[in-house]
Amino acid sequence: MSRLEGKVAVITGASSGLGRVGAERFAAEGAKVVIADVADGEEAVDAITAAGGDASYVSCDVTDEESVKSAIDFAVEVYGGLHVLYNNAGVMLSEDDNPVTTSIDTYQKTMDINVLGTMLGCKYAIPAMQATREKDGSVGSIVNVASFVAHMGAATPQVAYTASKGAVLAMTREIAVIYARQGIRCNALCPGPIMTPMLAKFLSDDAKRNRRLVHIPMGRFGDPSEIANGALFLASDESSWMTGQSLIIDGGITAAYVTPE
């Protein structure tokens, strides 16, 4: 039996990057995957379908309430229910720096996508999960992407990003407590530095990459598949007695004390 057999999963921001890797992994484990993204996800759908999986794409701006509602409605209409929400969509803006220099616009955009987007996903996924539970007795699972910086300050100043991920972690705990006896689990996935295009733009040369590696006890950046595996665990029934928790996958960063530069 595949680990997500019979599950319907909505993954935001899944047209590329970590979200796409997660979508492909979920589909390979039997999930019917809805790729919800502002960017065109048809290429990702084609790749999943070619590999024998089941996926659909719906346009979704996570900062727009009606757009998020429509994406969740789409999943229910196409696949008959909802079991998993993977709130993956997020930004880490290059203009984000310290509290003195970071603009209000940068702060607000970061919070709108990373925090409001997560809340809106939960706002509309939870009723859909409850309705699905009434039909098939299933337990819903919400996976919110936070970050290791929700647990510690980042080596590079990113005040808006760090604040947003701390908010996602706190929101996750609150949702978990509210719905713990209503058949919905909610956990946070906290990745360390993963060499995706989003991080690569900040680490554009060897010197910058090596400075970041100093802070990682395992001495390397994470691979997207390692984060997808963590998301898969949280989404699946393997984590059935786990809610309100933070799964940190960071190469040991939060376990170590490193003197700031």
Protein backbone atom coordinates (compact mmCIF):
# COMPACT_ATOMS: atom_id res chain seq x y z
CA MET A 1 0.00 0.00 0.00
CA SER A 2 1.36 3.43 -0.96
CA ARG A 3 1.70 5.87 1.90
CA LEU A 4 -0.90 8.34 0.57
CA GLU A 5 -3.14 5.91 -1.29
CA GLY A 6 -6.65 7.33 -1.66
CA LYS A 7 -5.68 10.76 -0.30
CA VAL A 8 -6.43 14.07 -2.02
CA ALA A 9 -3.72 16.69 -1.41
CA VAL A 10 -3.59 20.39 -2.25
CA ILE A 11 -0.05 21.77 -2.45
CA THR A 12 0.41 25.52 -2.81
CA GLY A 13 3.36 26.88 -4.75
CA ALA A 14 3.91 23.47 -6.35
CA SER A 15 4.72 24.49 -9.91
CA SER A 16 8.44 24.57 -9.11
CA GLY A 17 11.05 24.25 -6.37
CA LEU A 18 10.33 22.39 -3.15
CA GLY A 19 6.61 22.36 -3.87
CA ARG A 20 7.04 20.56 -7.15
CA VAL A 21 9.36 17.97 -5.63
CA GLY A 22 6.76 17.44 -2.91
CA ALA A 23 3.95 17.12 -5.46
CA GLU A 24 5.87 14.48 -7.40
CA ARG A 25 6.66 12.59 -4.19
CA PHE A 26 3.07 12.70 -2.96
CA ALA A 27 1.76 11.50 -6.32
CA ALA A 28 4.29 8.66 -6.39
CA GLU A 29 2.88 7.56 -3.02
CA GLY A 30 -0.67 7.40 -4.37
CA ALA A 31 -2.08 10.86 -3.65
CA LYS A 32 -4.29 12.74 -6.07
CA VAL A 33 -2.44 16.04 -6.14
CA VAL A 34 -3.79 19.52 -6.85
CA ILE A 35 -1.01 21.94 -7.77
CA ALA A 36 -2.23 25.38 -6.65
CA ASP A 37 0.06 28.17 -7.80
CA VAL A 38 0.11 31.60 -9.43
CA ALA A 39 2.62 30.18 -11.90
CA ASP A 40 1.46 27.74 -14.57
CA GLY A 41 1.58 24.21 -13.20
CA GLU A 42 0.71 22.27 -16.32
CA GLU A 43 4.30 21.16 -16.86
CA ALA A 44 4.39 19.71 -13.36
CA VAL A 45 1.06 17.98 -13.98
CA ASP A 46 2.40 16.48 -17.22
CA ALA A 47 5.49 15.17 -15.43
CA ILE A 48 3.42 13.56 -12.70
CA THR A 49 1.00 12.05 -15.19
CA ALA A 50 3.85 10.68 -17.31
CA ALA A 51 5.20 8.96 -14.20
CA GLY A 52 1.85 7.28 -13.61
CA GLY A 53 0.48 9.71 -11.02
CA ASP A 54 -2.73 11.73 -10.83
CA ALA A 55 -2.49 15.52 -10.68
CA SER A 56 -4.36 18.66 -11.70
CA TYR A 57 -3.45 22.33 -11.78
CA VAL A 58 -5.49 25.26 -10.52
CA SER A 59 -4.43 28.90 -10.55
CA CYS A 60 -4.15 30.19 -6.99
CA ASP A 61 -2.90 33.41 -5.43
CA VAL A 62 -2.53 32.56 -1.74
CA THR A 63 -2.95 36.21 -0.73
CA ASP A 64 -6.39 36.39 -2.36
CA GLU A 65 -9.20 34.86 -0.33
CA GLU A 66 -11.49 34.07 -3.23
CA SER A 67 -8.63 32.51 -5.17
CA VAL A 68 -7.77 30.20 -2.26
CA LYS A 69 -11.42 29.26 -1.77
CA SER A 70 -11.71 28.44 -5.47
CA ALA A 71 -8.61 26.21 -5.32
CA ILE A 72 -10.00 24.19 -2.42
CA ASP A 73 -13.40 23.98 -4.12
CA PHE A 74 -11.65 22.75 -7.27
CA ALA A 75 -9.96 19.92 -5.36
CA VAL A 76 -13.24 18.79 -3.83
CA GLU A 77 -15.11 19.00 -7.14
CA VAL A 78 -12.46 17.13 -9.14
CA TYR A 79 -11.49 14.48 -6.59
CA GLY A 80 -14.45 14.32 -4.22
CA GLY A 81 -12.83 15.49 -1.00
CA LEU A 82 -9.70 16.75 0.73
CA HIS A 83 -7.34 14.97 3.11
CA VAL A 84 -4.07 16.93 2.98
CA LEU A 85 -3.14 20.60 2.70
CA TYR A 86 0.55 21.33 2.19
CA ASN A 87 0.97 25.08 2.66
CA ASN A 88 4.25 25.34 0.78
CA ALA A 89 3.95 28.72 -1.01
CA GLY A 90 6.29 31.34 0.36
CA VAL A 91 8.82 34.06 -0.44
CA MET A 92 12.20 35.17 0.82
CA LEU A 93 12.76 38.62 -0.69
CA SER A 94 16.21 39.98 -1.47
CA GLU A 95 15.20 43.40 -0.05
CA ASP A 96 14.54 41.83 3.35
CA ASP A 97 17.26 42.87 5.80
CA ASN A 98 17.33 44.33 9.30
CA PRO A 99 14.53 46.28 11.06
CA VAL A 100 16.12 49.62 10.19
CA THR A 101 16.54 49.11 6.45
CA THR A 102 13.67 46.77 5.54
CA SER A 103 10.83 48.63 3.87
CA ILE A 104 7.23 48.31 4.98
CA ASP A 105 6.34 47.09 1.48
CA THR A 106 8.86 44.24 1.75
CA TYR A 107 7.63 43.35 5.21
CA GLN A 108 3.98 43.41 4.16
CA LYS A 109 4.48 41.35 1.02
CA THR A 110 6.40 38.74 3.00
CA MET A 111 3.72 38.54 5.68
CA ASP A 112 0.89 38.45 3.14
CA ILE A 113 2.31 35.48 1.26
CA ASN A 114 3.92 33.54 4.09
CA VAL A 115 1.41 34.12 6.91
CA LEU A 116 -1.89 35.27 5.42
CA GLY A 117 -1.50 32.70 2.65
CA THR A 118 -1.08 29.95 5.23
CA MET A 119 -4.11 31.10 7.20
CA LEU A 120 -6.32 31.33 4.11
CA GLY A 121 -5.34 27.83 3.08
CA CYS A 122 -6.37 26.55 6.50
CA LYS A 123 -9.54 28.66 6.51
CA TYR A 124 -10.95 26.85 3.49
CA ALA A 125 -9.23 23.47 3.77
CA ILE A 126 -10.49 22.74 7.28
CA PRO A 127 -14.21 22.73 6.41
CA ALA A 128 -13.43 20.62 3.34
CA MET A 129 -11.51 18.14 5.50
CA GLN A 130 -14.36 18.02 8.00
CA ALA A 131 -16.86 17.28 5.23
CA THR A 132 -14.56 14.57 3.86
CA ARG A 133 -14.23 13.03 7.31
CA GLU A 134 -18.01 12.79 7.57
CA LYS A 135 -18.01 10.71 4.39
CA ASP A 136 -15.03 8.42 4.86
CA GLY A 137 -13.92 8.77 8.49
CA SER A 138 -10.49 10.08 7.48
CA VAL A 139 -8.18 12.30 9.50
CA GLY A 140 -7.08 15.51 7.78
CA SER A 141 -3.46 16.62 7.83
CA ILE A 142 -2.21 20.18 7.40
CA VAL A 143 1.50 20.72 6.78
CA ASN A 144 2.60 24.33 7.14
CA VAL A 145 6.06 25.29 5.93
CA ALA A 146 7.86 27.35 8.53
CA SER A 147 11.68 27.35 8.77
CA PHE A 148 14.55 26.65 11.12
CA VAL A 149 14.66 30.44 11.61
CA ALA A 150 11.35 30.15 13.49
CA HIS A 151 13.51 28.61 16.25
CA MET A 152 16.60 30.82 16.05
CA GLY A 153 17.88 33.98 14.41
CA ALA A 154 19.23 33.64 10.90
CA ALA A 155 22.93 34.13 10.18
CA THR A 156 21.91 36.66 7.53
CA PRO A 157 19.45 39.43 8.55
CA GLN A 158 15.97 38.71 7.15
CA VAL A 159 13.68 40.27 9.70
CA ALA A 160 10.42 39.96 7.74
CA TYR A 161 11.06 36.37 6.67
CA THR A 162 12.07 35.29 10.16
CA ALA A 163 9.04 37.00 11.70
CA SER A 164 6.74 35.41 9.15
CA LYS A 165 8.02 31.91 9.80
CA GLY A 166 7.73 32.39 13.55
CA ALA A 167 4.11 33.39 12.98
CA VAL A 168 3.49 30.27 10.87
CA LEU A 169 4.87 28.09 13.66
CA ALA A 170 2.68 29.77 16.29
CA MET A 171 -0.38 29.53 14.04
CA THR A 172 0.31 25.84 13.49
CA ARG A 173 0.25 25.15 17.22
CA GLU A 174 -2.98 27.08 17.67
CA ILE A 175 -4.74 25.25 14.84
CA ALA A 176 -3.49 21.91 16.15
CA VAL A 177 -4.96 22.51 19.60
CA ILE A 178 -8.31 23.74 18.26
CA TYR A 179 -8.86 20.76 15.97
CA ALA A 180 -7.04 17.97 17.82
CA ARG A 181 -10.32 16.24 18.76
CA GLN A 182 -12.01 17.00 15.46
CA GLY A 183 -10.00 14.73 13.21
CA ILE A 184 -7.54 17.28 11.84
CA ARG A 185 -3.81 17.34 12.57
CA CYS A 186 -1.59 20.35 11.90
CA ASN A 187 2.20 20.32 11.99
CA ALA A 188 4.99 22.61 10.83
CA LEU A 189 7.82 21.62 8.54
CA CYS A 190 10.97 23.61 9.29
CA PRO A 191 13.64 23.25 6.60
CA GLY A 192 17.18 24.48 6.87
CA PRO A 193 19.04 25.88 3.85
CA ILE A 194 18.06 23.94 0.72
CA MET A 195 19.80 24.78 -2.54
CA THR A 196 16.74 25.86 -4.50
CA PRO A 197 16.62 28.82 -6.92
CA MET A 198 15.18 30.95 -4.08
CA LEU A 199 18.28 30.38 -1.91
CA ALA A 200 20.74 30.34 -4.80
CA LYS A 201 20.07 33.99 -5.59
CA PHE A 202 21.37 34.88 -2.10
CA LEU A 203 24.39 32.57 -2.36
CA SER A 204 25.64 33.54 -5.77
CA ASP A 205 29.33 32.74 -5.29
CA ASP A 206 31.55 30.26 -3.44
CA ALA A 207 32.46 32.72 -0.69
CA LYS A 208 28.81 33.31 0.23
CA ARG A 209 28.02 29.60 0.10
CA ASN A 210 31.01 28.69 2.27
CA ARG A 211 30.06 31.29 4.89
CA ARG A 212 26.63 29.68 5.16
CA LEU A 213 28.07 26.17 5.28
CA VAL A 214 30.10 27.07 8.37
CA HIS A 215 26.82 27.16 10.30
CA ILE A 216 25.65 23.71 9.15
CA PRO A 217 27.16 20.90 11.25
CA MET A 218 26.62 18.33 8.49
CA GLY A 219 28.65 20.56 6.15
CA ARG A 220 26.25 20.58 3.20
CA PHE A 221 22.99 22.08 2.01
CA GLY A 222 19.86 19.97 2.11
CA ASP A 223 18.38 18.29 -0.93
CA PRO A 224 14.76 19.07 -1.90
CA SER A 225 13.92 15.37 -1.69
CA GLU A 226 14.84 15.39 2.00
CA ILE A 227 12.23 18.06 2.67
CA ALA A 228 9.67 16.24 0.54
CA ASN A 229 10.23 13.12 2.63
CA GLY A 230 9.52 15.11 5.79
CA ALA A 231 6.35 16.55 4.30
CA LEU A 232 5.28 13.08 3.23
CA PHE A 233 5.71 11.77 6.78
CA LEU A 234 3.61 14.60 8.22
CA ALA A 235 0.93 14.20 5.56
CA SER A 236 0.67 10.44 5.96
CA ASP A 237 -0.92 8.36 8.69
CA GLU A 238 2.58 7.43 9.85
CA SER A 239 2.50 10.63 11.94
CA SER A 240 -1.01 9.88 13.25
CA TRP A 241 -0.21 10.77 16.89
CA MET A 242 1.64 13.95 16.02
CA THR A 243 0.07 17.40 15.97
CA GLY A 244 1.18 20.91 16.83
CA GLN A 245 4.80 19.92 16.35
CA SER A 246 7.75 21.27 14.44
CA LEU A 247 9.70 18.87 12.25
CA ILE A 248 13.12 20.47 11.82
CA ILE A 249 15.22 19.22 8.90
CA ASP A 250 18.28 21.45 8.97
CA GLY A 251 21.49 19.44 8.95
CA GLY A 252 21.93 20.08 12.67
CA ILE A 253 21.88 23.89 12.66
CA THR A 254 19.46 24.30 15.55
CA ALA A 255 21.30 21.64 17.57
CA ALA A 256 24.58 23.53 17.53
CA TYR A 257 25.84 26.81 18.87
CA VAL A 258 27.87 28.74 16.35
CA THR A 259 29.46 32.07 17.25
CA PRO A 260 27.84 34.79 15.07
CA GLU A 261 30.05 36.32 12.40
